[in-house]
Structures are given as C-alpha cells and as structure tokens.
Protein backbone atom coordinates (compact mmCIF):
# COMPACT_ATOMS: atom_id res chain seq x y z
CA UNK A 1 -68.83 -99.15 -20.38
CA UNK A 2 -67.74 -99.05 -16.81
CA UNK A 3 -70.81 -98.50 -14.49
CA UNK A 4 -70.01 -95.69 -11.79
CA UNK A 5 -72.66 -95.24 -9.55
CA UNK A 6 -73.06 -92.08 -6.91
CA UNK A 7 -73.93 -93.11 -3.39
CA UNK A 8 -76.37 -90.74 -1.49
CA UNK A 9 -73.61 -90.13 0.77
CA UNK A 10 -71.23 -89.06 -1.67
CA UNK A 11 -73.68 -87.06 -3.61
CA UNK A 12 -74.25 -85.27 -0.46
CA UNK A 13 -70.80 -84.42 -0.07
CA UNK A 14 -70.00 -83.01 -3.63
CA UNK A 15 -73.93 -81.09 -3.68
CA UNK A 16 -72.98 -79.36 -0.24
CA UNK A 17 -69.36 -78.55 -2.04
CA UNK A 18 -71.07 -76.70 -4.99
CA UNK A 19 -73.52 -75.18 -2.90
CA UNK A 20 -71.33 -73.59 -0.05
CA UNK A 21 -68.61 -72.47 -3.03
CA UNK A 22 -70.77 -71.60 -6.07
CA UNK A 23 -74.65 -71.15 -4.10
CA UNK A 24 -76.09 -73.81 -6.57
CA UNK A 25 -78.50 -76.11 -4.87
CA UNK A 26 -79.02 -79.53 -6.26
CA UNK A 27 -81.56 -81.41 -4.91
CA UNK A 28 -82.04 -85.22 -4.55
CA UNK A 29 -83.53 -85.52 -8.13
CA UNK A 30 -80.64 -84.31 -9.69
CA UNK A 31 -78.33 -87.12 -8.43
CA UNK A 32 -78.49 -88.79 -11.97
CA UNK A 33 -77.65 -85.59 -13.99
CA UNK A 34 -74.64 -85.40 -11.46
CA UNK A 35 -73.48 -88.80 -12.28
CA UNK A 36 -74.01 -88.53 -15.95
CA UNK A 37 -72.18 -85.16 -16.28
CA UNK A 38 -69.20 -86.07 -14.27
CA UNK A 39 -69.09 -89.63 -15.44
CA UNK A 40 -66.19 -88.72 -18.19
CA UNK A 41 -64.41 -86.95 -15.31
CA UNK A 42 -64.11 -90.02 -13.45
CA UNK A 43 -63.06 -92.51 -15.96
CA UNK A 44 -60.74 -90.17 -17.77
CA UNK A 45 -58.81 -89.49 -14.26
CA UNK A 46 -59.29 -93.58 -13.61
CA UNK A 47 -61.35 -92.76 -10.40
CA UNK A 48 -62.99 -96.21 -9.29
CA UNK A 49 -65.90 -94.08 -7.34
CA UNK A 50 -67.11 -90.79 -6.47
CA UNK A 51 -65.58 -90.69 -3.17
CA UNK A 52 -61.78 -90.82 -4.62
CA UNK A 53 -63.34 -87.95 -7.25
CA UNK A 54 -64.26 -85.77 -4.07
CA UNK A 55 -60.98 -86.11 -2.36
CA UNK A 56 -58.96 -85.18 -5.73
CA UNK A 57 -61.49 -82.10 -5.92
CA UNK A 58 -60.88 -80.57 -2.35
CA UNK A 59 -57.03 -81.50 -2.42
CA UNK A 60 -56.35 -79.93 -5.83
CA UNK A 61 -54.24 -76.73 -5.01
CA UNK A 62 -54.59 -75.77 -8.62
CA UNK A 63 -58.17 -75.23 -8.86
CA UNK A 64 -58.79 -77.08 -12.11
CA UNK A 65 -60.89 -79.62 -10.61
CA UNK A 66 -62.96 -77.08 -9.18
CA UNK A 67 -63.13 -75.29 -12.87
CA UNK A 68 -63.84 -78.23 -14.45
CA UNK A 69 -66.57 -79.30 -11.83
CA UNK A 70 -68.38 -76.10 -12.40
CA UNK A 71 -68.22 -76.27 -16.49
CA UNK A 72 -70.02 -79.98 -16.09
CA UNK A 73 -72.65 -78.87 -13.67
CA UNK A 74 -73.87 -75.42 -14.67
CA UNK A 75 -76.21 -75.08 -17.44
CA UNK A 76 -75.61 -72.38 -19.94
CA UNK A 77 -79.03 -71.53 -21.63
CA UNK A 78 -79.44 -68.08 -22.79
CA UNK A 79 -80.30 -66.49 -26.35
CA UNK A 80 -80.85 -62.85 -27.88
CA UNK A 81 -83.86 -61.09 -26.92
CA UNK A 82 -84.63 -63.42 -23.63
CA UNK A 83 -87.51 -61.85 -21.75
CA UNK A 84 -87.32 -58.99 -24.25
CA UNK A 85 -89.76 -56.89 -22.09
CA UNK A 86 -86.81 -56.18 -19.81
CA UNK A 87 -84.68 -54.78 -22.84
CA UNK A 88 -87.99 -52.56 -23.56
CA UNK A 89 -88.29 -51.42 -20.48
CA UNK A 90 -84.40 -50.72 -20.08
CA UNK A 91 -84.69 -48.75 -23.18
CA UNK A 92 -88.17 -46.83 -22.46
CA UNK A 93 -87.99 -46.05 -18.73
CA UNK A 94 -84.47 -46.82 -17.28
CA UNK A 95 -82.17 -45.09 -20.00
CA UNK A 96 -84.11 -41.51 -19.80
CA UNK A 97 -83.87 -41.16 -16.30
CA UNK A 98 -80.07 -42.25 -16.04
CA UNK A 99 -79.11 -40.12 -19.29
CA UNK A 100 -80.75 -37.38 -17.25
CA UNK A 101 -79.36 -38.27 -13.79
CA UNK A 102 -75.88 -39.69 -14.33
CA UNK A 103 -72.85 -37.75 -13.46
CA UNK A 104 -70.03 -37.17 -15.81
CA UNK A 105 -71.79 -39.07 -18.50
CA UNK A 106 -70.95 -42.04 -16.75
CA UNK A 107 -73.20 -45.22 -16.79
CA UNK A 108 -72.07 -48.32 -15.24
CA UNK A 109 -73.97 -51.49 -15.95
CA UNK A 110 -73.03 -55.03 -14.74
CA UNK A 111 -74.48 -58.11 -16.47
CA UNK A 112 -74.20 -60.79 -13.95
CA UNK A 113 -74.13 -64.24 -15.22
CA UNK A 114 -73.61 -63.35 -18.63
CA UNK A 115 -73.12 -66.76 -20.03
CA UNK A 116 -72.30 -66.47 -23.91
CA UNK A 117 -72.77 -62.78 -24.54
CA UNK A 118 -76.13 -62.63 -25.99
CA UNK A 119 -77.40 -60.16 -22.90
CA UNK A 120 -74.55 -57.92 -22.53
CA UNK A 121 -74.09 -57.44 -26.33
CA UNK A 122 -78.17 -56.59 -26.77
CA UNK A 123 -77.55 -53.93 -23.69
CA UNK A 124 -74.63 -52.47 -25.98
CA UNK A 125 -76.86 -52.34 -29.07
CA UNK A 126 -79.82 -50.70 -27.32
CA UNK A 127 -77.23 -48.00 -25.57
CA UNK A 128 -75.56 -47.21 -29.25
CA UNK A 129 -79.30 -46.73 -30.82
CA UNK A 130 -80.77 -44.83 -27.64
CA UNK A 131 -77.60 -42.34 -27.36
CA UNK A 132 -76.76 -42.05 -30.96
CA UNK A 133 -74.35 -39.14 -31.76
CA UNK A 134 -73.83 -38.57 -28.31
CA UNK A 135 -72.44 -41.68 -27.33
CA UNK A 136 -69.06 -40.47 -28.10
CA UNK A 137 -69.33 -38.37 -25.34
CA UNK A 138 -70.49 -41.06 -22.74
CA UNK A 139 -68.56 -43.88 -20.92
CA UNK A 140 -71.14 -46.71 -21.37
CA UNK A 141 -68.76 -49.76 -20.85
CA UNK A 142 -70.41 -52.85 -19.67
CA UNK A 143 -68.96 -55.43 -17.16
CA UNK A 144 -70.04 -58.80 -17.94
CA UNK A 145 -69.28 -61.74 -15.57
CA UNK A 146 -69.49 -65.41 -15.64
CA UNK A 147 -68.29 -68.50 -13.29
CA UNK A 148 -67.40 -70.46 -16.86
CA UNK A 149 -64.46 -69.85 -18.63
CA UNK A 150 -66.12 -71.55 -21.69
CA UNK A 151 -68.73 -69.52 -22.19
CA UNK A 152 -66.66 -66.25 -21.31
CA UNK A 153 -64.23 -67.65 -24.24
CA UNK A 154 -67.55 -67.73 -26.51
CA UNK A 155 -68.70 -64.60 -25.38
CA UNK A 156 -65.44 -62.67 -26.15
CA UNK A 157 -65.35 -63.57 -29.84
CA UNK A 158 -68.73 -62.18 -30.08
CA UNK A 159 -69.61 -65.12 -33.14
CA UNK A 160 -73.17 -66.78 -33.27
CA UNK A 161 -74.84 -68.80 -35.63
CA UNK A 162 -77.18 -66.78 -37.87
CA UNK A 163 -80.28 -68.60 -37.06
CA UNK A 164 -79.77 -67.05 -33.46
CA UNK A 165 -79.71 -63.22 -34.76
CA UNK A 166 -83.80 -63.87 -36.06
CA UNK A 167 -84.95 -62.16 -32.95
CA UNK A 168 -83.16 -59.28 -33.31
CA UNK A 169 -84.57 -56.06 -35.54
CA UNK A 170 -83.40 -56.64 -38.83
CA UNK A 171 -81.37 -53.18 -38.48
CA UNK A 172 -79.43 -54.23 -35.75
CA UNK A 173 -78.55 -57.45 -37.71
CA UNK A 174 -77.46 -55.05 -40.64
CA UNK A 175 -75.82 -52.32 -38.69
CA UNK A 176 -74.12 -54.65 -35.62
CA UNK A 177 -73.10 -57.92 -37.14
CA UNK A 178 -70.59 -58.86 -40.35
CA UNK A 179 -71.49 -62.22 -41.78
CA UNK A 180 -68.62 -64.25 -41.35
CA UNK A 181 -69.82 -67.29 -43.57
CA UNK A 182 -73.16 -68.54 -44.35
CA UNK A 183 -73.57 -70.12 -41.31
CA UNK A 184 -72.40 -67.49 -38.85
CA UNK A 185 -71.90 -63.65 -38.09
CA UNK A 186 -69.50 -61.44 -35.77
CA UNK A 187 -70.39 -58.53 -33.85
CA UNK A 188 -68.56 -55.32 -35.16
CA UNK A 189 -65.58 -54.34 -33.34
CA UNK A 190 -67.25 -50.89 -31.87
CA UNK A 191 -70.24 -53.17 -29.74
CA UNK A 192 -67.61 -55.86 -28.96
CA UNK A 193 -65.34 -53.47 -27.42
CA UNK A 194 -68.35 -51.93 -25.47
CA UNK A 195 -68.57 -55.47 -23.27
CA UNK A 196 -65.80 -56.10 -20.76
CA UNK A 197 -65.60 -59.68 -20.01
CA UNK A 198 -64.46 -61.25 -16.27
CA UNK A 199 -64.65 -64.13 -14.43
CA UNK A 200 -66.17 -64.14 -11.18
CA UNK A 201 -68.11 -65.72 -8.70
CA UNK A 202 -70.93 -64.58 -7.24
CA UNK A 203 -70.56 -66.19 -3.83
CA UNK A 204 -67.47 -64.13 -3.19
CA UNK A 205 -67.18 -62.65 0.06
CA UNK A 206 -66.07 -59.49 -1.00
CA UNK A 207 -66.91 -57.99 -4.65
CA UNK A 208 -63.85 -56.11 -5.82
CA UNK A 209 -65.55 -53.03 -7.59
CA UNK A 210 -64.55 -49.14 -7.25
CA UNK A 211 -67.82 -47.76 -8.06
CA UNK A 212 -71.37 -48.82 -7.66
CA UNK A 213 -73.51 -49.87 -10.81
CA UNK A 214 -76.91 -47.96 -12.15
CA UNK A 215 -78.40 -51.06 -13.46
CA UNK A 216 -77.37 -54.84 -12.45
CA UNK A 217 -78.93 -57.61 -14.52
CA UNK A 218 -78.65 -60.76 -12.99
CA UNK A 219 -81.20 -63.03 -14.56
CA UNK A 220 -82.07 -66.69 -14.63
CA UNK A 221 -78.85 -67.17 -12.29
CA UNK A 222 -80.76 -67.08 -8.67
CA UNK A 223 -83.21 -69.88 -9.82
CA UNK A 224 -80.62 -72.46 -8.67
CA UNK A 225 -80.19 -70.67 -5.30
CA UNK A 226 -81.69 -71.13 -2.03
CA UNK A 227 -83.81 -68.45 -0.32
CA UNK A 228 -80.76 -67.66 2.06
CA UNK A 229 -78.54 -67.49 -0.67
CA UNK A 230 -80.53 -65.35 -2.71
CA UNK A 231 -81.35 -62.87 0.13
CA UNK A 232 -77.56 -62.64 0.71
CA UNK A 233 -76.88 -62.05 -2.99
CA UNK A 234 -79.71 -59.49 -3.07
CA UNK A 235 -78.04 -57.57 -0.14
CA UNK A 236 -74.73 -57.65 -1.84
CA UNK A 237 -76.16 -56.34 -5.34
CA UNK A 238 -78.10 -53.52 -3.40
CA UNK A 239 -74.86 -52.50 -1.44
CA UNK A 240 -73.33 -52.13 -5.13
CA UNK A 241 -76.38 -50.33 -6.82
CA UNK A 242 -76.32 -46.46 -7.10
CA UNK A 243 -79.23 -44.90 -5.30
CA UNK A 244 -82.12 -44.75 -8.05
CA UNK A 245 -80.37 -47.75 -9.82
CA UNK A 246 -82.03 -51.05 -10.86
CA UNK A 247 -81.82 -54.61 -10.57
CA UNK A 248 -83.21 -57.22 -12.93
CA UNK A 249 -83.97 -60.66 -12.26
CA UNK A 250 -85.54 -63.25 -14.39
CA UNK A 251 -89.06 -63.52 -14.48
CA UNK A 252 -88.92 -67.15 -12.88
CA UNK A 253 -87.35 -65.63 -10.05
CA UNK A 254 -88.43 -62.94 -7.10
CA UNK A 255 -86.98 -61.29 -4.04
CA UNK A 256 -88.77 -61.64 -0.95
CA UNK A 257 -90.22 -58.42 -0.81
CA UNK A 258 -90.49 -58.07 3.41
CA UNK A 259 -86.82 -59.03 3.67
CA UNK A 260 -85.14 -57.51 0.54
CA UNK A 261 -84.46 -53.52 0.74
CA UNK A 262 -84.78 -52.81 -3.13
CA UNK A 263 -88.50 -51.24 -4.22
CA UNK A 264 -90.38 -53.78 -6.30
CA UNK A 265 -90.95 -51.68 -9.43
CA UNK A 266 -92.97 -54.46 -12.09
CA UNK A 267 -92.48 -58.35 -12.54
CA UNK A 268 -88.45 -59.11 -11.97
CA UNK A 269 -87.73 -55.60 -11.66
CA UNK A 270 -86.58 -53.67 -8.62
CA UNK A 271 -85.13 -50.03 -7.82
CA UNK A 272 -82.89 -48.93 -4.94
CA UNK A 273 -84.39 -45.88 -3.49
C-alpha cells in the first residue's frame, strides 16, 4: 500500500479551504484524520501528493471534488431522541405557545444539519401527536437541510435499523413505523411527507427563504466552528427567526450571551424577543 503523507503546508491549505467554504475548523491534531479519510480519494485518482489533490479540488468546475471532500470530512453521527430534554421542552413549552400565536395555522420549523433524518422525523411525530385531529387544519411541514448528499439520501428513505428505534416510545414505533423485515423499519408516509429535505450550506452568504421560522434546531453543528463563524451564523439564524421564536443548539455548544441577540432560556435553548 502506497504511503502518502500530508505536509504541514498542505494541511493548512486544505483546512483553510474547508473553513472558508464550510465553516468547519480543523485543528492541527486532525492532520492524521484528514490523511486517512482522503487517502482513497488520492490513490483512486492517481495523485502523488496532497498538493496535486488540492490543485484539482480548487480548479474542479463541476463541484464534484468539493462534494466528495465534505462527505469524507464531516461526521454525521446522530440517533433518535438525542438530547431528549430538547424534544420534551419543544413539546411541553414551545408548542403550546406557538399553537396559540401562529398566524393562519402555519408553523415553520427548520432542522439545520439534519443528518440522516432522526431529528426532523422526531419533530414530525411530536407535532402529529400534539395536534391530533386538529393537525389536518395546520401546515406543519418541516424543512430539513444538510450539506451531505449521502445522509440526505438516507433521510428521504426514512428507513432505520430496528435497534435504532428502541429509544422511541412503544406507541410511536407501532403508529409511525412499518416493519420492512426483521432488521429494518420504515416511517409511514404521513410522517415522511411532513419533512422536506434540501441540500444547503450554512456558510452561504444569503439564505434563500421567503418566510421566517418559528423554531430552528441546529444542534451539534456549530461545535465544529470557531467563535467568529458561530456568531455570524447565530446572527443569520436570528434574522430568520420570527419574534418569539426559538433556537435550539447542542448541549456541547453555547452562544456568547454578550454578543448574541437571542435571549438565553435554558441550557442550549434561546429565544428571539
């Protein structure tokens, strides 16, 4: 097996490209990880070193090279009911307020960095159960975005290994999933159809939305960003949040309360007043 090592200069160029385009900060200790994850890309394209690969990356007009890079570098780890207290707060504290205040029975929720769909589908199940028979009068479609085509393809299918569903309430598993076989289950159409999946890079200068959101979930995404990038993204989220709306971030994340315009509510939950 051919060994291709990355020099410090090459790592700096690639990590700068990733941060400039995707916001992800790769510290020096990630140098070995980058080498390992990109090794197959280099060998399959017959690049002799990372400089040749970088030149190919920045000159590729199709964007395919950049797409492959982000698939290799990003970590898409999630599961049903991750940080479950957020979902309980959404159900018990946020939804009762929004149901009373939302105009035209239109609830707009965005799952940013949705990965393989567990988060937006959980929100869809909560909405279905909370609204009950009234749901037919509501527009509760959830926008779910991610930068990875691979996880978006998985999410659209709505198929999950049965052992991944054990954290869900039994009645949810019975009502919202159909067994495909002994190993996998698929979400029923009325839940799958509640989520609209789109590829989107949170580093875009302009967010292409027409209306603001009542709730934004962006959990365990900003953990990979530096403080400046986090603050800039929080500012964009704030602009696209309805007054009285909420932002949920991951428990390992926090926003600078002195610089951020959101009001801190509880750990990892913020509100636009």
